[in-house]
């Protein structure tokens, strides 16, 4: 049986994804994959292309092309990796500005959306969304994809339902 709750959840997921995509594009001028890659580098300076690939859930060649676009735009720079075989990725000054602008735009939109609810409803949403995030987190790679746009300062690892779900599974 198909429940109304499942249908509503699906509609909410589409609305949230569409709105976040629009906010990211308007604030940064980047395509969704590029914006997510910029965030992955921003929250983990010095990360590898492999780490960005995991966060994006795309192929290695696709990730390289994404990083190439960000580098050509002057937002990301490649530096020698620790082992000499890899590169580490870092935001440029311009990349930091765009990253912060897109993160601020995303959180402002989400905060405006949540503010439409009464405080008790906001608490209910946090509880239910936390439970759903824990339920849909399969492994570390899925966690990286789920949290690819997250602000880890607002949702620290010790309180993140996605991170906690992975820890509970080990």
C-alpha atoms as a PDB file:
ATOM      1  CA  UNK A   1       0.000   0.000   0.000  1.00  0.00           C
ATOM      2  CA  UNK A   2       1.275   3.455  -0.924  1.00  0.00           C
ATOM      3  CA  UNK A   3       0.892   5.829   1.988  1.00  0.00           C
ATOM      4  CA  UNK A   4       0.199   9.527   1.897  1.00  0.00           C
ATOM      5  CA  UNK A   5       3.156  10.036   4.246  1.00  0.00           C
ATOM      6  CA  UNK A   6       5.538   8.433   1.759  1.00  0.00           C
ATOM      7  CA  UNK A   7       4.162  10.604  -1.035  1.00  0.00           C
ATOM      8  CA  UNK A   8       4.472  13.771   1.081  1.00  0.00           C
ATOM      9  CA  UNK A   9       8.032  12.873   2.025  1.00  0.00           C
ATOM     10  CA  UNK A  10       8.901  12.398  -1.641  1.00  0.00           C
ATOM     11  CA  UNK A  11       7.360  15.755  -2.553  1.00  0.00           C
ATOM     12  CA  UNK A  12       9.273  17.451   0.269  1.00  0.00           C
ATOM     13  CA  UNK A  13      12.512  15.867  -0.922  1.00  0.00           C
ATOM     14  CA  UNK A  14      11.961  17.224  -4.435  1.00  0.00           C
ATOM     15  CA  UNK A  15      11.051  20.693  -3.131  1.00  0.00           C
ATOM     16  CA  UNK A  16      14.112  20.842  -0.871  1.00  0.00           C
ATOM     17  CA  UNK A  17      16.463  19.590  -3.586  1.00  0.00           C
ATOM     18  CA  UNK A  18      15.080  22.029  -6.163  1.00  0.00           C
ATOM     19  CA  UNK A  19      15.254  24.983  -3.778  1.00  0.00           C
ATOM     20  CA  UNK A  20      18.801  24.199  -2.656  1.00  0.00           C
ATOM     21  CA  UNK A  21      19.919  23.795  -6.266  1.00  0.00           C
ATOM     22  CA  UNK A  22      18.381  27.167  -7.124  1.00  0.00           C
ATOM     23  CA  UNK A  23      19.957  28.863  -4.075  1.00  0.00           C
ATOM     24  CA  UNK A  24      23.389  27.436  -4.875  1.00  0.00           C
ATOM     25  CA  UNK A  25      23.181  28.492  -8.517  1.00  0.00           C
ATOM     26  CA  UNK A  26      21.943  31.989  -7.670  1.00  0.00           C
ATOM     27  CA  UNK A  27      24.571  32.578  -4.992  1.00  0.00           C
ATOM     28  CA  UNK A  28      27.581  31.003  -6.672  1.00  0.00           C
ATOM     29  CA  UNK A  29      26.803  30.694 -10.366  1.00  0.00           C
ATOM     30  CA  UNK A  30      27.928  27.061 -10.165  1.00  0.00           C
ATOM     31  CA  UNK A  31      26.221  23.912 -11.367  1.00  0.00           C
ATOM     32  CA  UNK A  32      25.036  21.648  -8.515  1.00  0.00           C
ATOM     33  CA  UNK A  33      27.923  19.179  -8.895  1.00  0.00           C
ATOM     34  CA  UNK A  34      30.476  21.981  -8.931  1.00  0.00           C
ATOM     35  CA  UNK A  35      28.889  23.601  -5.865  1.00  0.00           C
ATOM     36  CA  UNK A  36      28.976  20.285  -3.999  1.00  0.00           C
ATOM     37  CA  UNK A  37      32.618  19.734  -4.987  1.00  0.00           C
ATOM     38  CA  UNK A  38      33.508  23.226  -3.784  1.00  0.00           C
ATOM     39  CA  UNK A  39      31.853  22.417  -0.460  1.00  0.00           C
ATOM     40  CA  UNK A  40      33.721  19.105  -0.202  1.00  0.00           C
ATOM     41  CA  UNK A  41      37.042  20.908  -0.614  1.00  0.00           C
ATOM     42  CA  UNK A  42      35.964  23.717   1.696  1.00  0.00           C
ATOM     43  CA  UNK A  43      35.115  21.448   4.620  1.00  0.00           C
ATOM     44  CA  UNK A  44      38.200  19.261   4.106  1.00  0.00           C
ATOM     45  CA  UNK A  45      41.103  21.414   2.883  1.00  0.00           C
ATOM     46  CA  UNK A  46      43.820  19.261   1.391  1.00  0.00           C
ATOM     47  CA  UNK A  47      41.430  16.466   0.454  1.00  0.00           C
ATOM     48  CA  UNK A  48      42.101  14.264  -2.548  1.00  0.00           C
ATOM     49  CA  UNK A  49      40.166  13.901  -5.772  1.00  0.00           C
ATOM     50  CA  UNK A  50      39.102  10.508  -4.418  1.00  0.00           C
ATOM     51  CA  UNK A  51      37.497  12.136  -1.378  1.00  0.00           C
ATOM     52  CA  UNK A  52      35.610  14.559  -3.611  1.00  0.00           C
ATOM     53  CA  UNK A  53      34.527  11.627  -5.821  1.00  0.00           C
ATOM     54  CA  UNK A  54      33.051   9.859  -2.803  1.00  0.00           C
ATOM     55  CA  UNK A  55      31.172  12.993  -1.730  1.00  0.00           C
ATOM     56  CA  UNK A  56      29.761  13.508  -5.216  1.00  0.00           C
ATOM     57  CA  UNK A  57      29.056   9.869  -5.992  1.00  0.00           C
ATOM     58  CA  UNK A  58      30.385  10.198  -9.544  1.00  0.00           C
ATOM     59  CA  UNK A  59      33.195   8.550 -11.496  1.00  0.00           C
ATOM     60  CA  UNK A  60      36.844   9.456 -11.094  1.00  0.00           C
ATOM     61  CA  UNK A  61      37.022  11.008 -14.602  1.00  0.00           C
ATOM     62  CA  UNK A  62      33.861  12.995 -13.849  1.00  0.00           C
ATOM     63  CA  UNK A  63      35.393  14.252 -10.623  1.00  0.00           C
ATOM     64  CA  UNK A  64      38.603  15.247 -12.404  1.00  0.00           C
ATOM     65  CA  UNK A  65      36.556  17.235 -14.949  1.00  0.00           C
ATOM     66  CA  UNK A  66      34.648  18.906 -12.102  1.00  0.00           C
ATOM     67  CA  UNK A  67      37.881  19.874 -10.340  1.00  0.00           C
ATOM     68  CA  UNK A  68      39.292  21.061 -13.687  1.00  0.00           C
ATOM     69  CA  UNK A  69      36.307  23.420 -14.071  1.00  0.00           C
ATOM     70  CA  UNK A  70      36.734  24.757 -10.535  1.00  0.00           C
ATOM     71  CA  UNK A  71      40.478  25.232 -11.070  1.00  0.00           C
ATOM     72  CA  UNK A  72      39.915  26.984 -14.412  1.00  0.00           C
ATOM     73  CA  UNK A  73      37.448  29.304 -12.663  1.00  0.00           C
ATOM     74  CA  UNK A  74      40.123  30.137 -10.091  1.00  0.00           C
ATOM     75  CA  UNK A  75      38.203  28.572  -7.196  1.00  0.00           C
ATOM     76  CA  UNK A  76      40.323  25.493  -6.424  1.00  0.00           C
ATOM     77  CA  UNK A  77      44.028  24.838  -6.663  1.00  0.00           C
ATOM     78  CA  UNK A  78      45.912  21.583  -6.781  1.00  0.00           C
ATOM     79  CA  UNK A  79      48.965  21.126  -4.589  1.00  0.00           C
ATOM     80  CA  UNK A  80      51.346  18.204  -4.226  1.00  0.00           C
ATOM     81  CA  UNK A  81      49.892  15.475  -2.045  1.00  0.00           C
ATOM     82  CA  UNK A  82      51.660  13.968   0.932  1.00  0.00           C
ATOM     83  CA  UNK A  83      52.772  10.839  -0.921  1.00  0.00           C
ATOM     84  CA  UNK A  84      53.896  12.487  -4.144  1.00  0.00           C
ATOM     85  CA  UNK A  85      51.425  10.472  -6.240  1.00  0.00           C
ATOM     86  CA  UNK A  86      48.297  12.368  -5.328  1.00  0.00           C
ATOM     87  CA  UNK A  87      47.267  15.986  -5.308  1.00  0.00           C
ATOM     88  CA  UNK A  88      45.633  17.823  -2.463  1.00  0.00           C
ATOM     89  CA  UNK A  89      42.860  20.260  -3.222  1.00  0.00           C
ATOM     90  CA  UNK A  90      42.510  23.681  -1.624  1.00  0.00           C
ATOM     91  CA  UNK A  91      40.184  26.613  -2.118  1.00  0.00           C
ATOM     92  CA  UNK A  92      41.698  29.803  -3.443  1.00  0.00           C
ATOM     93  CA  UNK A  93      40.735  33.128  -1.879  1.00  0.00           C
ATOM     94  CA  UNK A  94      38.038  33.461  -4.555  1.00  0.00           C
ATOM     95  CA  UNK A  95      36.949  29.879  -3.847  1.00  0.00           C
ATOM     96  CA  UNK A  96      36.613  30.640  -0.130  1.00  0.00           C
ATOM     97  CA  UNK A  97      34.389  33.618  -0.959  1.00  0.00           C
ATOM     98  CA  UNK A  98      32.127  31.615  -3.265  1.00  0.00           C
ATOM     99  CA  UNK A  99      32.015  28.695  -0.819  1.00  0.00           C
ATOM    100  CA  UNK A 100      30.965  30.970   2.029  1.00  0.00           C
ATOM    101  CA  UNK A 101      28.422  32.774  -0.139  1.00  0.00           C
ATOM    102  CA  UNK A 102      26.763  29.543  -1.262  1.00  0.00           C
ATOM    103  CA  UNK A 103      26.780  28.085   2.261  1.00  0.00           C
ATOM    104  CA  UNK A 104      25.219  31.261   3.652  1.00  0.00           C
ATOM    105  CA  UNK A 105      22.541  31.338   0.931  1.00  0.00           C
ATOM    106  CA  UNK A 106      21.658  27.691   1.509  1.00  0.00           C
ATOM    107  CA  UNK A 107      21.359  28.026   5.286  1.00  0.00           C
ATOM    108  CA  UNK A 108      19.395  31.302   5.024  1.00  0.00           C
ATOM    109  CA  UNK A 109      16.840  29.608   2.769  1.00  0.00           C
ATOM    110  CA  UNK A 110      16.577  26.607   5.075  1.00  0.00           C
ATOM    111  CA  UNK A 111      16.259  28.847   8.163  1.00  0.00           C
ATOM    112  CA  UNK A 112      13.493  30.885   6.478  1.00  0.00           C
ATOM    113  CA  UNK A 113      11.681  27.664   5.655  1.00  0.00           C
ATOM    114  CA  UNK A 114      11.976  26.294   9.201  1.00  0.00           C
ATOM    115  CA  UNK A 115      10.930  29.666  10.676  1.00  0.00           C
ATOM    116  CA  UNK A 116       7.478  29.164   9.150  1.00  0.00           C
ATOM    117  CA  UNK A 117       6.898  26.428  11.727  1.00  0.00           C
ATOM    118  CA  UNK A 118       6.029  26.826  15.390  1.00  0.00           C
ATOM    119  CA  UNK A 119       8.881  26.021  17.818  1.00  0.00           C
ATOM    120  CA  UNK A 120       7.286  22.689  18.774  1.00  0.00           C
ATOM    121  CA  UNK A 121       6.964  21.776  15.088  1.00  0.00           C
ATOM    122  CA  UNK A 122      10.613  22.713  14.536  1.00  0.00           C
ATOM    123  CA  UNK A 123      11.632  20.324  17.320  1.00  0.00           C
ATOM    124  CA  UNK A 124       9.450  17.599  15.794  1.00  0.00           C
ATOM    125  CA  UNK A 125      11.046  18.147  12.374  1.00  0.00           C
ATOM    126  CA  UNK A 126      14.557  17.912  13.848  1.00  0.00           C
ATOM    127  CA  UNK A 127      13.670  14.670  15.635  1.00  0.00           C
ATOM    128  CA  UNK A 128      12.001  13.055  12.607  1.00  0.00           C
ATOM    129  CA  UNK A 129      14.603  14.233  10.083  1.00  0.00           C
ATOM    130  CA  UNK A 130      17.413  12.982  12.339  1.00  0.00           C
ATOM    131  CA  UNK A 131      15.750   9.572  12.538  1.00  0.00           C
ATOM    132  CA  UNK A 132      15.194   9.447   8.769  1.00  0.00           C
ATOM    133  CA  UNK A 133      18.786  10.462   8.031  1.00  0.00           C
ATOM    134  CA  UNK A 134      20.047   7.719  10.325  1.00  0.00           C
ATOM    135  CA  UNK A 135      17.731   5.235   8.614  1.00  0.00           C
ATOM    136  CA  UNK A 136      18.913   6.046   5.088  1.00  0.00           C
ATOM    137  CA  UNK A 137      22.629   6.106   5.885  1.00  0.00           C
ATOM    138  CA  UNK A 138      24.136   2.907   4.554  1.00  0.00           C
ATOM    139  CA  UNK A 139      27.895   3.287   4.830  1.00  0.00           C
ATOM    140  CA  UNK A 140      30.640   5.879   4.928  1.00  0.00           C
ATOM    141  CA  UNK A 141      30.348   6.637   1.210  1.00  0.00           C
ATOM    142  CA  UNK A 142      26.597   7.195   1.448  1.00  0.00           C
ATOM    143  CA  UNK A 143      27.222   9.415   4.472  1.00  0.00           C
ATOM    144  CA  UNK A 144      29.642  11.556   2.472  1.00  0.00           C
ATOM    145  CA  UNK A 145      27.063  11.951  -0.299  1.00  0.00           C
ATOM    146  CA  UNK A 146      24.229  12.738   2.126  1.00  0.00           C
ATOM    147  CA  UNK A 147      26.281  15.421   3.871  1.00  0.00           C
ATOM    148  CA  UNK A 148      27.955  16.839   0.748  1.00  0.00           C
ATOM    149  CA  UNK A 149      26.361  20.268   1.247  1.00  0.00           C
ATOM    150  CA  UNK A 150      26.234  20.242   5.036  1.00  0.00           C
ATOM    151  CA  UNK A 151      27.713  22.911   7.241  1.00  0.00           C
ATOM    152  CA  UNK A 152      29.701  20.777   9.647  1.00  0.00           C
ATOM    153  CA  UNK A 153      30.021  23.704  12.036  1.00  0.00           C
ATOM    154  CA  UNK A 154      26.250  23.819  12.493  1.00  0.00           C
ATOM    155  CA  UNK A 155      25.984  20.031  12.712  1.00  0.00           C
ATOM    156  CA  UNK A 156      29.133  18.836  14.488  1.00  0.00           C
ATOM    157  CA  UNK A 157      30.231  15.231  14.037  1.00  0.00           C
ATOM    158  CA  UNK A 158      29.363  14.279  17.614  1.00  0.00           C
ATOM    159  CA  UNK A 159      25.714  15.279  16.992  1.00  0.00           C
ATOM    160  CA  UNK A 160      25.335  14.403  13.310  1.00  0.00           C
ATOM    161  CA  UNK A 161      22.723  11.651  12.876  1.00  0.00           C
ATOM    162  CA  UNK A 162      24.481  10.447   9.724  1.00  0.00           C
ATOM    163  CA  UNK A 163      27.877  10.135  11.426  1.00  0.00           C
ATOM    164  CA  UNK A 164      26.288   8.545  14.478  1.00  0.00           C
ATOM    165  CA  UNK A 165      24.473   6.019  12.272  1.00  0.00           C
ATOM    166  CA  UNK A 166      27.775   4.902  10.764  1.00  0.00           C
ATOM    167  CA  UNK A 167      29.320   4.582  14.217  1.00  0.00           C
ATOM    168  CA  UNK A 168      26.367   2.506  15.387  1.00  0.00           C
ATOM    169  CA  UNK A 169      26.848   0.161  12.439  1.00  0.00           C
ATOM    170  CA  UNK A 170      30.480  -0.621  13.236  1.00  0.00           C
END
